[in-house]
Amino acid sequence: MFYKINKSGFFVEKEKSMPVIFEEVKLDCGYRVDLLVENKLIVELKSVESLSEIHLAQTLTYLRLGNFKLALLINFNEILLKNGIRRVVNNL
């Protein structure tokens, strides 16, 4: 996925660290986003039986921590890939 997005001409980062800040304590590597495209879109990749609320909560946490607006939560364990794509938004 990283290769294809990058090859298409987009700036993409993989395993992007998201720091967690609590009061004055900063944890540099609290979370890792699977893919961050153009510093705007989070792409979170899964291969599970079905997406659950915990996957959605994880993606929303990434959106809020990075102050991003849009994410795609993709489950590759589907017969039709389009059935495994979920759009997640943060205050749109």
Protein backbone atom coordinates (compact mmCIF):
# COMPACT_ATOMS: atom_id res chain seq x y z
CA MET A 1 0.00 0.00 0.00
CA PHE A 2 2.85 2.39 0.89
CA TYR A 3 4.60 1.62 -2.39
CA LYS A 4 1.50 2.20 -4.55
CA ILE A 5 0.57 5.48 -2.84
CA ASN A 6 4.15 6.73 -3.06
CA LYS A 7 4.44 5.64 -6.70
CA SER A 8 1.28 7.65 -7.46
CA GLY A 9 3.15 10.80 -6.48
CA PHE A 10 1.78 11.37 -2.99
CA PHE A 11 3.93 12.07 0.06
CA VAL A 12 3.34 9.15 2.40
CA GLU A 13 4.90 8.15 5.71
CA LYS A 14 4.64 4.66 7.20
CA GLU A 15 4.60 3.77 10.89
CA LYS A 16 4.38 7.47 11.73
CA SER A 17 4.92 8.08 15.45
CA MET A 18 2.23 10.04 17.26
CA PRO A 19 3.44 11.53 20.56
CA VAL A 20 1.17 11.49 23.59
CA ILE A 21 1.29 14.53 25.84
CA PHE A 22 -0.19 14.40 29.33
CA GLU A 23 0.17 17.63 31.30
CA GLU A 24 3.92 18.35 30.93
CA VAL A 25 4.96 14.74 30.19
CA LYS A 26 5.59 13.90 26.53
CA LEU A 27 5.83 10.28 25.39
CA ASP A 28 7.52 10.39 21.99
CA CYS A 29 6.20 7.11 20.67
CA GLY A 30 2.82 6.53 22.25
CA TYR A 31 1.10 5.44 19.03
CA ARG A 32 2.06 4.58 15.45
CA VAL A 33 -0.17 5.39 12.48
CA ASP A 34 0.11 2.79 9.70
CA LEU A 35 0.16 5.34 6.86
CA LEU A 36 -0.08 9.12 6.80
CA VAL A 37 -0.74 10.54 3.33
CA GLU A 38 0.12 14.17 2.52
CA ASN A 39 0.08 14.96 6.27
CA LYS A 40 -3.72 14.92 6.03
CA LEU A 41 -5.13 11.41 5.63
CA ILE A 42 -4.60 8.53 8.05
CA VAL A 43 -4.82 5.04 6.56
CA GLU A 44 -5.14 2.34 9.21
CA LEU A 45 -4.73 -1.20 7.87
CA LYS A 46 -6.23 -4.34 9.39
CA SER A 47 -6.72 -7.97 8.45
CA VAL A 48 -9.34 -9.22 10.88
CA GLU A 49 -12.57 -11.22 10.77
CA SER A 50 -14.53 -7.99 11.06
CA LEU A 51 -13.83 -4.44 12.14
CA SER A 52 -14.87 -3.78 15.72
CA GLU A 53 -15.49 -0.74 17.88
CA ILE A 54 -11.93 -0.93 19.23
CA HIS A 55 -10.55 -0.44 15.70
CA LEU A 56 -12.77 2.60 15.27
CA ALA A 57 -11.73 3.97 18.68
CA GLN A 58 -8.05 3.51 17.80
CA THR A 59 -8.49 5.40 14.53
CA LEU A 60 -10.45 8.21 16.19
CA THR A 61 -7.69 8.52 18.80
CA TYR A 62 -5.12 8.96 16.03
CA LEU A 63 -7.28 11.61 14.38
CA ARG A 64 -7.68 13.55 17.62
CA LEU A 65 -4.04 13.30 18.71
CA GLY A 66 -2.77 14.54 15.35
CA ASN A 67 -5.62 17.00 14.84
CA PHE A 68 -6.44 15.34 11.51
CA LYS A 69 -9.89 15.37 9.91
CA LEU A 70 -10.07 12.19 7.84
CA ALA A 71 -9.02 8.54 8.04
CA LEU A 72 -9.65 5.34 6.15
CA LEU A 73 -9.91 2.16 8.19
CA ILE A 74 -9.28 -0.73 5.79
CA ASN A 75 -9.85 -4.42 6.52
CA PHE A 76 -8.18 -6.65 3.93
CA ASN A 77 -9.96 -9.76 5.20
CA GLU A 78 -13.00 -9.26 2.96
CA ILE A 79 -14.04 -10.96 -0.26
CA LEU A 80 -14.70 -7.54 -1.82
CA LEU A 81 -12.24 -4.94 -0.58
CA LYS A 82 -14.83 -2.16 -0.87
CA ASN A 83 -16.80 -3.89 1.91
CA GLY A 84 -13.78 -3.53 4.21
CA ILE A 85 -13.26 0.21 3.83
CA ARG A 86 -14.65 2.54 6.48
CA ARG A 87 -14.33 6.32 6.33
CA VAL A 88 -13.73 7.91 9.74
CA VAL A 89 -14.02 11.66 10.32
CA ASN A 90 -13.05 13.96 13.17
CA ASN A 91 -15.47 16.88 13.61
CA LEU A 92 -16.39 17.43 9.96
